[in-house]
């Protein structure tokens, strides 16, 4: 991979360079927060998301400190699919 100067205008990048940069951007971890975030990931209601969280099915994907809940989207979906 060629080193791309961050000040390079997008119109000066080749398609290959642009795709490399976009892969790096998309490779970042995606997180959701709270029960609303979990419901959004699973495509269900907040009460169902709370039920799934309480079941312990997604414990490896969820970090909770007090009332703050952080969910790793990718890991949650993997765990949910594995236990389907």
PDB file of N, CA and C in Angstrom:
ATOM      1  N   UNK A   1       0.845  -1.184   0.000  1.00  0.00           N
ATOM      2  CA  UNK A   1       0.000   0.000   0.000  1.00  0.00           C
ATOM      3  C   UNK A   1       0.886   1.241   0.000  1.00  0.00           C
ATOM      4  N   UNK A   2       0.570   2.146  -0.865  1.00  0.00           N
ATOM      5  CA  UNK A   2       1.305   3.400  -0.983  1.00  0.00           C
ATOM      6  C   UNK A   2       0.859   4.359   0.123  1.00  0.00           C
ATOM      7  N   UNK A   3       1.778   5.104   0.679  1.00  0.00           N
ATOM      8  CA  UNK A   3       1.450   6.110   1.685  1.00  0.00           C
ATOM      9  C   UNK A   3       0.768   7.284   0.973  1.00  0.00           C
ATOM     10  N   UNK A   4      -0.420   7.621   1.449  1.00  0.00           N
ATOM     11  CA  UNK A   4      -1.192   8.708   0.842  1.00  0.00           C
ATOM     12  C   UNK A   4      -1.184   9.895   1.790  1.00  0.00           C
ATOM     13  N   UNK A   5      -0.758  11.035   1.275  1.00  0.00           N
ATOM     14  CA  UNK A   5      -0.748  12.257   2.073  1.00  0.00           C
ATOM     15  C   UNK A   5      -2.190  12.639   2.401  1.00  0.00           C
ATOM     16  N   UNK A   6      -2.511  12.828   3.700  1.00  0.00           N
ATOM     17  CA  UNK A   6      -3.884  13.177   4.082  1.00  0.00           C
ATOM     18  C   UNK A   6      -4.395  14.479   3.460  1.00  0.00           C
ATOM     19  N   UNK A   7      -3.486  15.306   2.972  1.00  0.00           N
ATOM     20  CA  UNK A   7      -3.890  16.581   2.374  1.00  0.00           C
ATOM     21  C   UNK A   7      -4.159  16.451   0.871  1.00  0.00           C
ATOM     22  N   UNK A   8      -4.009  15.231   0.336  1.00  0.00           N
ATOM     23  CA  UNK A   8      -4.266  15.013  -1.080  1.00  0.00           C
ATOM     24  C   UNK A   8      -5.757  15.125  -1.359  1.00  0.00           C
ATOM     25  N   UNK A   9      -6.144  15.936  -2.331  1.00  0.00           N
ATOM     26  CA  UNK A   9      -7.571  16.027  -2.678  1.00  0.00           C
ATOM     27  C   UNK A   9      -8.073  14.681  -3.207  1.00  0.00           C
ATOM     28  N   UNK A  10      -9.317  14.378  -2.927  1.00  0.00           N
ATOM     29  CA  UNK A  10      -9.889  13.101  -3.343  1.00  0.00           C
ATOM     30  C   UNK A  10      -9.842  12.948  -4.856  1.00  0.00           C
ATOM     31  N   UNK A  11     -10.041  14.024  -5.583  1.00  0.00           N
ATOM     32  CA  UNK A  11     -10.070  13.933  -7.042  1.00  0.00           C
ATOM     33  C   UNK A  11      -8.722  13.545  -7.633  1.00  0.00           C
ATOM     34  N   UNK A  12      -7.644  13.603  -6.821  1.00  0.00           N
ATOM     35  CA  UNK A  12      -6.323  13.220  -7.312  1.00  0.00           C
ATOM     36  C   UNK A  12      -5.981  11.764  -7.017  1.00  0.00           C
ATOM     37  N   UNK A  13      -6.850  11.070  -6.311  1.00  0.00           N
ATOM     38  CA  UNK A  13      -6.596   9.665  -5.990  1.00  0.00           C
ATOM     39  C   UNK A  13      -7.039   8.776  -7.140  1.00  0.00           C
ATOM     40  N   UNK A  14      -6.316   7.674  -7.302  1.00  0.00           N
ATOM     41  CA  UNK A  14      -6.775   6.669  -8.259  1.00  0.00           C
ATOM     42  C   UNK A  14      -7.904   5.896  -7.584  1.00  0.00           C
ATOM     43  N   UNK A  15      -8.628   5.113  -8.357  1.00  0.00           N
ATOM     44  CA  UNK A  15      -9.708   4.306  -7.792  1.00  0.00           C
ATOM     45  C   UNK A  15      -9.127   3.343  -6.756  1.00  0.00           C
ATOM     46  N   UNK A  16      -7.996   2.746  -7.076  1.00  0.00           N
ATOM     47  CA  UNK A  16      -7.355   1.808  -6.153  1.00  0.00           C
ATOM     48  C   UNK A  16      -7.004   2.488  -4.827  1.00  0.00           C
ATOM     49  N   UNK A  17      -6.437   3.674  -4.890  1.00  0.00           N
ATOM     50  CA  UNK A  17      -6.080   4.409  -3.671  1.00  0.00           C
ATOM     51  C   UNK A  17      -7.325   4.777  -2.873  1.00  0.00           C
ATOM     52  N   UNK A  18      -8.372   5.212  -3.575  1.00  0.00           N
ATOM     53  CA  UNK A  18      -9.613   5.568  -2.894  1.00  0.00           C
ATOM     54  C   UNK A  18     -10.206   4.362  -2.174  1.00  0.00           C
ATOM     55  N   UNK A  19     -10.210   3.194  -2.813  1.00  0.00           N
ATOM     56  CA  UNK A  19     -10.739   1.979  -2.189  1.00  0.00           C
ATOM     57  C   UNK A  19      -9.920   1.576  -0.961  1.00  0.00           C
ATOM     58  N   UNK A  20      -8.602   1.726  -1.028  1.00  0.00           N
ATOM     59  CA  UNK A  20      -7.746   1.425   0.126  1.00  0.00           C
ATOM     60  C   UNK A  20      -8.087   2.329   1.308  1.00  0.00           C
ATOM     61  N   UNK A  21      -8.262   3.615   1.032  1.00  0.00           N
ATOM     62  CA  UNK A  21      -8.601   4.563   2.081  1.00  0.00           C
ATOM     63  C   UNK A  21      -9.978   4.248   2.661  1.00  0.00           C
ATOM     64  N   UNK A  22     -10.933   3.921   1.811  1.00  0.00           N
ATOM     65  CA  UNK A  22     -12.282   3.629   2.311  1.00  0.00           C
ATOM     66  C   UNK A  22     -12.308   2.346   3.131  1.00  0.00           C
ATOM     67  N   UNK A  23     -11.467   1.364   2.798  1.00  0.00           N
ATOM     68  CA  UNK A  23     -11.379   0.142   3.606  1.00  0.00           C
ATOM     69  C   UNK A  23     -10.866   0.457   5.007  1.00  0.00           C
ATOM     70  N   UNK A  24      -9.898   1.348   5.086  1.00  0.00           N
ATOM     71  CA  UNK A  24      -9.357   1.735   6.398  1.00  0.00           C
ATOM     72  C   UNK A  24     -10.415   2.421   7.243  1.00  0.00           C
ATOM     73  N   UNK A  25     -11.221   3.240   6.609  1.00  0.00           N
ATOM     74  CA  UNK A  25     -12.279   3.947   7.335  1.00  0.00           C
ATOM     75  C   UNK A  25     -13.328   2.958   7.828  1.00  0.00           C
ATOM     76  N   UNK A  26     -13.704   2.000   6.991  1.00  0.00           N
ATOM     77  CA  UNK A  26     -14.728   1.024   7.353  1.00  0.00           C
ATOM     78  C   UNK A  26     -14.226  -0.030   8.328  1.00  0.00           C
ATOM     79  N   UNK A  27     -12.910  -0.156   8.485  1.00  0.00           N
ATOM     80  CA  UNK A  27     -12.346  -1.174   9.366  1.00  0.00           C
ATOM     81  C   UNK A  27     -12.456  -0.782  10.846  1.00  0.00           C
ATOM     82  N   UNK A  28     -12.789   0.463  11.108  1.00  0.00           N
ATOM     83  CA  UNK A  28     -12.911   0.904  12.495  1.00  0.00           C
ATOM     84  C   UNK A  28     -14.058   0.176  13.182  1.00  0.00           C
ATOM     85  N   UNK A  29     -13.923  -0.023  14.489  1.00  0.00           N
ATOM     86  CA  UNK A  29     -14.967  -0.707  15.260  1.00  0.00           C
ATOM     87  C   UNK A  29     -16.239   0.118  15.257  1.00  0.00           C
ATOM     88  N   UNK A  30     -17.335  -0.578  15.194  1.00  0.00           N
ATOM     89  CA  UNK A  30     -18.634   0.068  15.257  1.00  0.00           C
ATOM     90  C   UNK A  30     -19.284  -0.266  16.589  1.00  0.00           C
ATOM     91  N   UNK A  31     -19.712   0.734  17.278  1.00  0.00           N
ATOM     92  CA  UNK A  31     -20.345   0.549  18.569  1.00  0.00           C
ATOM     93  C   UNK A  31     -21.730   1.173  18.583  1.00  0.00           C
ATOM     94  N   UNK A  32     -22.600   0.602  19.380  1.00  0.00           N
ATOM     95  CA  UNK A  32     -23.905   1.190  19.673  1.00  0.00           C
ATOM     96  C   UNK A  32     -23.967   1.341  21.181  1.00  0.00           C
ATOM     97  N   UNK A  33     -24.860   2.192  21.637  1.00  0.00           N
ATOM     98  CA  UNK A  33     -24.939   2.485  23.061  1.00  0.00           C
ATOM     99  C   UNK A  33     -26.357   2.296  23.574  1.00  0.00           C
ATOM    100  N   UNK A  34     -26.472   1.669  24.732  1.00  0.00           N
ATOM    101  CA  UNK A  34     -27.754   1.520  25.401  1.00  0.00           C
ATOM    102  C   UNK A  34     -28.646   0.454  24.786  1.00  0.00           C
ATOM    103  N   UNK A  35     -29.802   0.289  25.417  1.00  0.00           N
ATOM    104  CA  UNK A  35     -30.769  -0.696  24.933  1.00  0.00           C
ATOM    105  C   UNK A  35     -31.349  -0.293  23.582  1.00  0.00           C
ATOM    106  N   UNK A  36     -31.458   1.016  23.342  1.00  0.00           N
ATOM    107  CA  UNK A  36     -31.934   1.481  22.031  1.00  0.00           C
ATOM    108  C   UNK A  36     -30.972   1.030  20.938  1.00  0.00           C
ATOM    109  N   UNK A  37     -29.683   1.132  21.224  1.00  0.00           N
ATOM    110  CA  UNK A  37     -28.665   0.694  20.263  1.00  0.00           C
ATOM    111  C   UNK A  37     -28.730  -0.795  20.016  1.00  0.00           C
ATOM    112  N   UNK A  38     -28.919  -1.574  21.081  1.00  0.00           N
ATOM    113  CA  UNK A  38     -29.042  -3.025  20.925  1.00  0.00           C
ATOM    114  C   UNK A  38     -30.286  -3.379  20.124  1.00  0.00           C
ATOM    115  N   UNK A  39     -31.381  -2.689  20.391  1.00  0.00           N
ATOM    116  CA  UNK A  39     -32.618  -2.914  19.633  1.00  0.00           C
ATOM    117  C   UNK A  39     -32.407  -2.583  18.155  1.00  0.00           C
ATOM    118  N   UNK A  40     -31.643  -1.541  17.878  1.00  0.00           N
ATOM    119  CA  UNK A  40     -31.347  -1.147  16.504  1.00  0.00           C
ATOM    120  C   UNK A  40     -30.514  -2.232  15.802  1.00  0.00           C
ATOM    121  N   UNK A  41     -29.524  -2.785  16.511  1.00  0.00           N
ATOM    122  CA  UNK A  41     -28.676  -3.836  15.944  1.00  0.00           C
ATOM    123  C   UNK A  41     -29.507  -5.069  15.608  1.00  0.00           C
ATOM    124  N   UNK A  42     -30.362  -5.473  16.548  1.00  0.00           N
ATOM    125  CA  UNK A  42     -31.134  -6.702  16.389  1.00  0.00           C
ATOM    126  C   UNK A  42     -32.413  -6.510  15.594  1.00  0.00           C
ATOM    127  N   UNK A  43     -32.821  -5.264  15.404  1.00  0.00           N
ATOM    128  CA  UNK A  43     -34.050  -4.994  14.666  1.00  0.00           C
ATOM    129  C   UNK A  43     -35.285  -5.423  15.430  1.00  0.00           C
ATOM    130  N   UNK A  44     -35.291  -5.122  16.727  1.00  0.00           N
ATOM    131  CA  UNK A  44     -36.423  -5.522  17.566  1.00  0.00           C
ATOM    132  C   UNK A  44     -36.801  -4.372  18.502  1.00  0.00           C
ATOM    133  N   UNK A  45     -37.764  -4.632  19.374  1.00  0.00           N
ATOM    134  CA  UNK A  45     -38.192  -3.607  20.326  1.00  0.00           C
ATOM    135  C   UNK A  45     -37.175  -3.493  21.467  1.00  0.00           C
ATOM    136  N   UNK A  46     -37.258  -2.410  22.204  1.00  0.00           N
ATOM    137  CA  UNK A  46     -36.354  -2.196  23.334  1.00  0.00           C
ATOM    138  C   UNK A  46     -36.595  -3.250  24.414  1.00  0.00           C
ATOM    139  N   UNK A  47     -37.853  -3.636  24.629  1.00  0.00           N
ATOM    140  CA  UNK A  47     -38.138  -4.645  25.649  1.00  0.00           C
ATOM    141  C   UNK A  47     -37.553  -6.002  25.258  1.00  0.00           C
ATOM    142  N   UNK A  48     -37.602  -6.351  23.980  1.00  0.00           N
ATOM    143  CA  UNK A  48     -37.007  -7.613  23.514  1.00  0.00           C
ATOM    144  C   UNK A  48     -35.483  -7.541  23.618  1.00  0.00           C
ATOM    145  N   UNK A  49     -34.906  -6.378  23.308  1.00  0.00           N
ATOM    146  CA  UNK A  49     -33.462  -6.195  23.428  1.00  0.00           C
ATOM    147  C   UNK A  49     -33.028  -6.366  24.879  1.00  0.00           C
ATOM    148  N   UNK A  50     -33.826  -5.842  25.798  1.00  0.00           N
ATOM    149  CA  UNK A  50     -33.540  -5.994  27.225  1.00  0.00           C
ATOM    150  C   UNK A  50     -33.574  -7.465  27.626  1.00  0.00           C
ATOM    151  N   UNK A  51     -34.532  -8.195  27.081  1.00  0.00           N
ATOM    152  CA  UNK A  51     -34.666  -9.629  27.343  1.00  0.00           C
ATOM    153  C   UNK A  51     -33.426 -10.390  26.859  1.00  0.00           C
ATOM    154  N   UNK A  52     -32.979 -10.070  25.642  1.00  0.00           N
ATOM    155  CA  UNK A  52     -31.799 -10.723  25.069  1.00  0.00           C
ATOM    156  C   UNK A  52     -30.566 -10.400  25.902  1.00  0.00           C
ATOM    157  N   UNK A  53     -30.435  -9.152  26.335  1.00  0.00           N
ATOM    158  CA  UNK A  53     -29.296  -8.746  27.152  1.00  0.00           C
ATOM    159  C   UNK A  53     -29.286  -9.511  28.469  1.00  0.00           C
ATOM    160  N   UNK A  54     -30.450  -9.603  29.119  1.00  0.00           N
ATOM    161  CA  UNK A  54     -30.556 -10.316  30.399  1.00  0.00           C
ATOM    162  C   UNK A  54     -30.268 -11.809  30.260  1.00  0.00           C
ATOM    163  N   UNK A  55     -30.496 -12.364  29.072  1.00  0.00           N
ATOM    164  CA  UNK A  55     -30.282 -13.799  28.861  1.00  0.00           C
ATOM    165  C   UNK A  55     -28.799 -14.170  28.939  1.00  0.00           C
ATOM    166  N   UNK A  56     -27.917 -13.203  28.743  1.00  0.00           N
ATOM    167  CA  UNK A  56     -26.481 -13.472  28.792  1.00  0.00           C
ATOM    168  C   UNK A  56     -25.912 -13.928  27.462  1.00  0.00           C
ATOM    169  N   UNK A  57     -26.754 -14.004  26.451  1.00  0.00           N
ATOM    170  CA  UNK A  57     -26.352 -14.465  25.132  1.00  0.00           C
ATOM    171  C   UNK A  57     -25.253 -13.591  24.524  1.00  0.00           C
ATOM    172  N   UNK A  58     -25.303 -12.293  24.793  1.00  0.00           N
ATOM    173  CA  UNK A  58     -24.370 -11.344  24.177  1.00  0.00           C
ATOM    174  C   UNK A  58     -23.363 -10.757  25.165  1.00  0.00           C
ATOM    175  N   UNK A  59     -23.136 -11.436  26.276  1.00  0.00           N
ATOM    176  CA  UNK A  59     -22.260 -10.899  27.322  1.00  0.00           C
ATOM    177  C   UNK A  59     -20.860 -10.535  26.821  1.00  0.00           C
ATOM    178  N   UNK A  60     -20.320 -11.303  25.874  1.00  0.00           N
ATOM    179  CA  UNK A  60     -18.976 -11.012  25.366  1.00  0.00           C
ATOM    180  C   UNK A  60     -18.932  -9.768  24.486  1.00  0.00           C
ATOM    181  N   UNK A  61     -20.079  -9.327  24.004  1.00  0.00           N
ATOM    182  CA  UNK A  61     -20.137  -8.153  23.124  1.00  0.00           C
ATOM    183  C   UNK A  61     -20.573  -6.890  23.865  1.00  0.00           C
ATOM    184  N   UNK A  62     -20.964  -7.043  25.129  1.00  0.00           N
ATOM    185  CA  UNK A  62     -21.515  -5.913  25.877  1.00  0.00           C
ATOM    186  C   UNK A  62     -20.620  -5.575  27.068  1.00  0.00           C
ATOM    187  N   UNK A  63     -20.358  -4.281  27.229  1.00  0.00           N
ATOM    188  CA  UNK A  63     -19.644  -3.773  28.397  1.00  0.00           C
ATOM    189  C   UNK A  63     -20.595  -2.815  29.092  1.00  0.00           C
ATOM    190  N   UNK A  64     -20.794  -3.023  30.385  1.00  0.00           N
ATOM    191  CA  UNK A  64     -21.689  -2.143  31.124  1.00  0.00           C
ATOM    192  C   UNK A  64     -20.986  -1.635  32.371  1.00  0.00           C
ATOM    193  N   UNK A  65     -21.114  -0.330  32.590  1.00  0.00           N
ATOM    194  CA  UNK A  65     -20.590   0.315  33.783  1.00  0.00           C
ATOM    195  C   UNK A  65     -21.707   1.196  34.315  1.00  0.00           C
ATOM    196  N   UNK A  66     -22.351   0.740  35.376  1.00  0.00           N
ATOM    197  CA  UNK A  66     -23.505   1.464  35.900  1.00  0.00           C
ATOM    198  C   UNK A  66     -24.631   1.402  34.891  1.00  0.00           C
ATOM    199  N   UNK A  67     -25.115   2.569  34.487  1.00  0.00           N
ATOM    200  CA  UNK A  67     -26.214   2.616  33.516  1.00  0.00           C
ATOM    201  C   UNK A  67     -25.727   2.735  32.073  1.00  0.00           C
ATOM    202  N   UNK A  68     -24.428   2.833  31.889  1.00  0.00           N
ATOM    203  CA  UNK A  68     -23.874   3.003  30.554  1.00  0.00           C
ATOM    204  C   UNK A  68     -23.610   1.632  29.933  1.00  0.00           C
ATOM    205  N   UNK A  69     -24.162   1.417  28.743  1.00  0.00           N
ATOM    206  CA  UNK A  69     -24.012   0.147  28.028  1.00  0.00           C
ATOM    207  C   UNK A  69     -23.370   0.433  26.677  1.00  0.00           C
ATOM    208  N   UNK A  70     -22.275  -0.296  26.373  1.00  0.00           N
ATOM    209  CA  UNK A  70     -21.597  -0.173  25.092  1.00  0.00           C
ATOM    210  C   UNK A  70     -21.609  -1.546  24.433  1.00  0.00           C
ATOM    211  N   UNK A  71     -22.060  -1.591  23.175  1.00  0.00           N
ATOM    212  CA  UNK A  71     -22.185  -2.856  22.457  1.00  0.00           C
ATOM    213  C   UNK A  71     -21.315  -2.842  21.214  1.00  0.00           C
ATOM    214  N   UNK A  72     -20.485  -3.864  21.056  1.00  0.00           N
ATOM    215  CA  UNK A  72     -19.695  -4.064  19.837  1.00  0.00           C
ATOM    216  C   UNK A  72     -20.630  -4.714  18.812  1.00  0.00           C
ATOM    217  N   UNK A  73     -20.993  -3.957  17.781  1.00  0.00           N
ATOM    218  CA  UNK A  73     -21.983  -4.419  16.795  1.00  0.00           C
ATOM    219  C   UNK A  73     -21.604  -5.751  16.155  1.00  0.00           C
ATOM    220  N   UNK A  74     -20.381  -5.825  15.627  1.00  0.00           N
ATOM    221  CA  UNK A  74     -19.963  -7.018  14.896  1.00  0.00           C
ATOM    222  C   UNK A  74     -19.972  -8.251  15.782  1.00  0.00           C
ATOM    223  N   UNK A  75     -19.440  -8.113  16.980  1.00  0.00           N
ATOM    224  CA  UNK A  75     -19.376  -9.249  17.897  1.00  0.00           C
ATOM    225  C   UNK A  75     -20.777  -9.673  18.339  1.00  0.00           C
ATOM    226  N   UNK A  76     -21.655  -8.705  18.567  1.00  0.00           N
ATOM    227  CA  UNK A  76     -23.027  -9.017  18.978  1.00  0.00           C
ATOM    228  C   UNK A  76     -23.747  -9.803  17.889  1.00  0.00           C
ATOM    229  N   UNK A  77     -23.579  -9.397  16.643  1.00  0.00           N
ATOM    230  CA  UNK A  77     -24.231 -10.101  15.549  1.00  0.00           C
ATOM    231  C   UNK A  77     -23.671 -11.511  15.366  1.00  0.00           C
ATOM    232  N   UNK A  78     -22.350 -11.655  15.569  1.00  0.00           N
ATOM    233  CA  UNK A  78     -21.738 -12.986  15.484  1.00  0.00           C
ATOM    234  C   UNK A  78     -22.295 -13.901  16.564  1.00  0.00           C
ATOM    235  N   UNK A  79     -22.345 -13.414  17.792  1.00  0.00           N
ATOM    236  CA  UNK A  79     -22.845 -14.221  18.908  1.00  0.00           C
ATOM    237  C   UNK A  79     -24.317 -14.552  18.721  1.00  0.00           C
ATOM    238  N   UNK A  80     -25.078 -13.593  18.254  1.00  0.00           N
ATOM    239  CA  UNK A  80     -26.521 -13.819  18.058  1.00  0.00           C
ATOM    240  C   UNK A  80     -26.741 -14.876  16.974  1.00  0.00           C
ATOM    241  N   UNK A  81     -25.969 -14.812  15.890  1.00  0.00           N
ATOM    242  CA  UNK A  81     -26.107 -15.773  14.799  1.00  0.00           C
ATOM    243  C   UNK A  81     -25.661 -17.171  15.229  1.00  0.00           C
ATOM    244  N   UNK A  82     -24.620 -17.220  16.059  1.00  0.00           N
ATOM    245  CA  UNK A  82     -24.084 -18.505  16.493  1.00  0.00           C
ATOM    246  C   UNK A  82     -25.078 -19.254  17.391  1.00  0.00           C
ATOM    247  N   UNK A  83     -25.836 -18.514  18.178  1.00  0.00           N
ATOM    248  CA  UNK A  83     -26.767 -19.126  19.114  1.00  0.00           C
ATOM    249  C   UNK A  83     -28.205 -19.165  18.582  1.00  0.00           C
ATOM    250  N   UNK A  84     -28.341 -18.995  17.282  1.00  0.00           N
ATOM    251  CA  UNK A  84     -29.670 -18.975  16.674  1.00  0.00           C
ATOM    252  C   UNK A  84     -30.285 -20.354  16.637  1.00  0.00           C
TER     253      UNK A  84
END
